[in-house]
Amino acid sequence: MNNSLSILKLLSDSSRLRITLLLKARELCVCQIMGVLNISQPLVSKNLSMLRDAGLLESRKEGKLVFYSLKKRLRQPAASIIDAISTALIKDKTFLKDISSMLECEEFQKRTGKCGMQGLKDFIKSHNKN
């Protein structure tokens, strides 16, 4: 039960929950998470560190970038908890907005070859006007 409580406490923070749900959907780098959630790099890094220390994440380096994803073989009870939360929030407005922003972030990076929060914000603003 202690492990379940630890996972639930960890995911009770909205930023960590949103990061976890995004990483369940797709591998992302820090700058992508920053752009999607509109939060600072230190806050993203702190939350990623906490999720990694809890054994929920794996990472890989590609040049200067570090990409994070949810572990493919999560231990119990973490796997069941995350599956239950993601099922419960599948139609949540915030979750749907995060997924939409993640897709816009990918489009921005494909078009520009850049990875940065301000450029992404500008891209989203101009993209939404059209």
C-alpha atoms as a PDB file:
ATOM      1  CA  MET A   1       0.000   0.000   0.000  1.00  0.00           C
ATOM      2  CA  ASN A   2       2.875   2.395   0.681  1.00  0.00           C
ATOM      3  CA  ASN A   3       4.012   2.132  -2.942  1.00  0.00           C
ATOM      4  CA  SER A   4       0.485   2.912  -4.184  1.00  0.00           C
ATOM      5  CA  LEU A   5       0.289   5.943  -1.909  1.00  0.00           C
ATOM      6  CA  SER A   6       3.678   7.169  -3.109  1.00  0.00           C
ATOM      7  CA  ILE A   7       2.600   6.935  -6.752  1.00  0.00           C
ATOM      8  CA  LEU A   8      -0.716   8.660  -6.040  1.00  0.00           C
ATOM      9  CA  LYS A   9       1.022  11.469  -4.126  1.00  0.00           C
ATOM     10  CA  LEU A  10       3.513  11.906  -6.945  1.00  0.00           C
ATOM     11  CA  LEU A  11       0.736  12.131  -9.538  1.00  0.00           C
ATOM     12  CA  SER A  12      -1.427  14.418  -7.398  1.00  0.00           C
ATOM     13  CA  ASP A  13       0.591  17.353  -8.767  1.00  0.00           C
ATOM     14  CA  SER A  14      -1.061  18.503 -12.006  1.00  0.00           C
ATOM     15  CA  SER A  15       2.240  19.157 -13.821  1.00  0.00           C
ATOM     16  CA  ARG A  16       3.598  15.689 -13.010  1.00  0.00           C
ATOM     17  CA  LEU A  17       0.284  14.097 -13.962  1.00  0.00           C
ATOM     18  CA  ARG A  18       0.173  15.964 -17.275  1.00  0.00           C
ATOM     19  CA  ILE A  19       3.798  15.063 -18.018  1.00  0.00           C
ATOM     20  CA  THR A  20       3.105  11.417 -17.223  1.00  0.00           C
ATOM     21  CA  LEU A  21       0.064  11.313 -19.510  1.00  0.00           C
ATOM     22  CA  LEU A  22       1.980  12.983 -22.338  1.00  0.00           C
ATOM     23  CA  LEU A  23       4.862  10.549 -21.943  1.00  0.00           C
ATOM     24  CA  LYS A  24       2.425   7.655 -21.947  1.00  0.00           C
ATOM     25  CA  ALA A  25       1.355   8.859 -25.401  1.00  0.00           C
ATOM     26  CA  ARG A  26       4.773   9.688 -26.841  1.00  0.00           C
ATOM     27  CA  GLU A  27       8.460  10.199 -26.166  1.00  0.00           C
ATOM     28  CA  LEU A  28       9.277  13.896 -25.673  1.00  0.00           C
ATOM     29  CA  CYS A  29      12.277  16.090 -24.918  1.00  0.00           C
ATOM     30  CA  VAL A  30      12.346  18.740 -22.196  1.00  0.00           C
ATOM     31  CA  CYS A  31      11.736  21.618 -24.608  1.00  0.00           C
ATOM     32  CA  GLN A  32       8.666  19.878 -26.044  1.00  0.00           C
ATOM     33  CA  ILE A  33       7.239  19.383 -22.556  1.00  0.00           C
ATOM     34  CA  MET A  34       7.989  23.035 -21.750  1.00  0.00           C
ATOM     35  CA  GLY A  35       6.157  24.150 -24.881  1.00  0.00           C
ATOM     36  CA  VAL A  36       3.131  21.937 -24.373  1.00  0.00           C
ATOM     37  CA  LEU A  37       2.638  22.686 -20.678  1.00  0.00           C
ATOM     38  CA  ASN A  38       3.926  26.273 -20.858  1.00  0.00           C
ATOM     39  CA  ILE A  39       6.154  25.817 -17.816  1.00  0.00           C
ATOM     40  CA  SER A  40       9.816  26.641 -17.228  1.00  0.00           C
ATOM     41  CA  GLN A  41      12.750  24.333 -17.871  1.00  0.00           C
ATOM     42  CA  PRO A  42      13.704  24.085 -14.165  1.00  0.00           C
ATOM     43  CA  LEU A  43      10.157  23.049 -13.261  1.00  0.00           C
ATOM     44  CA  VAL A  44      10.009  20.468 -16.065  1.00  0.00           C
ATOM     45  CA  SER A  45      13.412  19.087 -15.053  1.00  0.00           C
ATOM     46  CA  LYS A  46      12.441  18.904 -11.375  1.00  0.00           C
ATOM     47  CA  ASN A  47       9.244  17.024 -12.192  1.00  0.00           C
ATOM     48  CA  LEU A  48      11.006  14.680 -14.615  1.00  0.00           C
ATOM     49  CA  SER A  49      13.597  13.948 -11.948  1.00  0.00           C
ATOM     50  CA  MET A  50      10.891  13.053  -9.430  1.00  0.00           C
ATOM     51  CA  LEU A  51       9.119  10.782 -11.938  1.00  0.00           C
ATOM     52  CA  ARG A  52      12.418   9.148 -12.921  1.00  0.00           C
ATOM     53  CA  ASP A  53      13.420   8.610  -9.285  1.00  0.00           C
ATOM     54  CA  ALA A  54      10.066   6.872  -8.728  1.00  0.00           C
ATOM     55  CA  GLY A  55      10.947   4.455 -11.521  1.00  0.00           C
ATOM     56  CA  LEU A  56       8.305   5.662 -13.967  1.00  0.00           C
ATOM     57  CA  LEU A  57      10.505   7.043 -16.753  1.00  0.00           C
ATOM     58  CA  GLU A  58      13.299   6.044 -19.040  1.00  0.00           C
ATOM     59  CA  SER A  59      15.446   8.400 -21.075  1.00  0.00           C
ATOM     60  CA  ARG A  60      17.794   8.439 -24.038  1.00  0.00           C
ATOM     61  CA  LYS A  61      20.182  11.060 -25.385  1.00  0.00           C
ATOM     62  CA  GLU A  62      20.213  12.290 -28.944  1.00  0.00           C
ATOM     63  CA  GLY A  63      22.942  14.871 -29.357  1.00  0.00           C
ATOM     64  CA  LYS A  64      22.294  17.601 -26.798  1.00  0.00           C
ATOM     65  CA  LEU A  65      18.672  16.571 -26.260  1.00  0.00           C
ATOM     66  CA  VAL A  66      17.393  14.080 -23.712  1.00  0.00           C
ATOM     67  CA  PHE A  67      14.155  12.309 -24.615  1.00  0.00           C
ATOM     68  CA  TYR A  68      11.888  10.883 -21.942  1.00  0.00           C
ATOM     69  CA  SER A  69       9.193   8.250 -22.108  1.00  0.00           C
ATOM     70  CA  LEU A  70       7.113   6.255 -19.713  1.00  0.00           C
ATOM     71  CA  LYS A  71       8.773   2.919 -18.991  1.00  0.00           C
ATOM     72  CA  LYS A  72       7.429   0.259 -21.280  1.00  0.00           C
ATOM     73  CA  ARG A  73       7.310  -2.304 -18.472  1.00  0.00           C
ATOM     74  CA  LEU A  74       6.129  -0.367 -15.474  1.00  0.00           C
ATOM     75  CA  ARG A  75       5.978  -2.234 -12.218  1.00  0.00           C
ATOM     76  CA  GLN A  76       2.764  -2.630 -10.307  1.00  0.00           C
ATOM     77  CA  PRO A  77       0.954  -0.785  -8.877  1.00  0.00           C
ATOM     78  CA  ALA A  78       2.255   2.127 -10.988  1.00  0.00           C
ATOM     79  CA  ALA A  79       1.109   0.592 -14.286  1.00  0.00           C
ATOM     80  CA  SER A  80      -2.440   0.027 -13.070  1.00  0.00           C
ATOM     81  CA  ILE A  81      -2.686   3.467 -11.472  1.00  0.00           C
ATOM     82  CA  ILE A  82      -1.466   5.280 -14.595  1.00  0.00           C
ATOM     83  CA  ASP A  83      -3.724   3.191 -16.853  1.00  0.00           C
ATOM     84  CA  ALA A  84      -6.740   3.951 -14.645  1.00  0.00           C
ATOM     85  CA  ILE A  85      -5.993   7.682 -14.555  1.00  0.00           C
ATOM     86  CA  SER A  86      -5.411   7.910 -18.311  1.00  0.00           C
ATOM     87  CA  THR A  87      -8.666   6.042 -18.983  1.00  0.00           C
ATOM     88  CA  ALA A  88     -10.564   8.318 -16.602  1.00  0.00           C
ATOM     89  CA  LEU A  89      -9.115  11.483 -18.188  1.00  0.00           C
ATOM     90  CA  ILE A  90      -9.321  10.467 -21.854  1.00  0.00           C
ATOM     91  CA  LYS A  91     -11.927  13.180 -22.576  1.00  0.00           C
ATOM     92  CA  ASP A  92     -10.648  15.747 -20.073  1.00  0.00           C
ATOM     93  CA  LYS A  93     -10.328  19.252 -21.601  1.00  0.00           C
ATOM     94  CA  THR A  94      -6.817  19.805 -20.246  1.00  0.00           C
ATOM     95  CA  PHE A  95      -5.594  16.426 -21.473  1.00  0.00           C
ATOM     96  CA  LEU A  96      -7.100  17.001 -24.935  1.00  0.00           C
ATOM     97  CA  LYS A  97      -5.521  20.477 -25.081  1.00  0.00           C
ATOM     98  CA  ASP A  98      -2.141  18.994 -24.085  1.00  0.00           C
ATOM     99  CA  ILE A  99      -2.365  16.388 -26.855  1.00  0.00           C
ATOM    100  CA  SER A 100      -3.309  19.089 -29.371  1.00  0.00           C
ATOM    101  CA  SER A 101      -0.387  21.264 -28.214  1.00  0.00           C
ATOM    102  CA  MET A 102       1.947  18.277 -28.462  1.00  0.00           C
ATOM    103  CA  LEU A 103       0.933  17.749 -32.092  1.00  0.00           C
ATOM    104  CA  GLU A 104       1.422  21.475 -32.803  1.00  0.00           C
ATOM    105  CA  CYS A 105       4.846  21.261 -31.169  1.00  0.00           C
ATOM    106  CA  GLU A 106       5.803  18.374 -33.455  1.00  0.00           C
ATOM    107  CA  GLU A 107       4.577  20.307 -36.498  1.00  0.00           C
ATOM    108  CA  PHE A 108       6.572  23.368 -35.403  1.00  0.00           C
ATOM    109  CA  GLN A 109       9.726  21.286 -35.051  1.00  0.00           C
ATOM    110  CA  LYS A 110       9.235  19.585 -38.421  1.00  0.00           C
ATOM    111  CA  ARG A 111       8.718  22.939 -40.173  1.00  0.00           C
ATOM    112  CA  THR A 112      11.444  24.917 -38.428  1.00  0.00           C
ATOM    113  CA  GLY A 113      13.935  22.348 -37.171  1.00  0.00           C
ATOM    114  CA  LYS A 114      13.908  24.264 -33.891  1.00  0.00           C
ATOM    115  CA  CYS A 115      13.086  23.316 -30.360  1.00  0.00           C
ATOM    116  CA  GLY A 116      12.108  26.188 -28.096  1.00  0.00           C
ATOM    117  CA  MET A 117       9.190  27.403 -26.057  1.00  0.00           C
ATOM    118  CA  GLN A 118       8.972  30.984 -27.356  1.00  0.00           C
ATOM    119  CA  GLY A 119       9.172  29.931 -30.991  1.00  0.00           C
ATOM    120  CA  LEU A 120       6.515  27.322 -30.355  1.00  0.00           C
ATOM    121  CA  LYS A 121       4.227  29.879 -28.671  1.00  0.00           C
ATOM    122  CA  ASP A 122       4.596  32.207 -31.656  1.00  0.00           C
ATOM    123  CA  PHE A 123       3.940  29.331 -34.063  1.00  0.00           C
ATOM    124  CA  ILE A 124       0.784  28.264 -32.186  1.00  0.00           C
ATOM    125  CA  LYS A 125      -0.527  31.841 -32.133  1.00  0.00           C
ATOM    126  CA  SER A 126      -0.002  32.283 -35.876  1.00  0.00           C
ATOM    127  CA  HIS A 127      -1.299  28.772 -36.600  1.00  0.00           C
ATOM    128  CA  ASN A 128      -4.509  29.385 -34.618  1.00  0.00           C
ATOM    129  CA  LYS A 129      -5.199  32.656 -36.484  1.00  0.00           C
ATOM    130  CA  ASN A 130      -5.392  30.807 -39.819  1.00  0.00           C
END
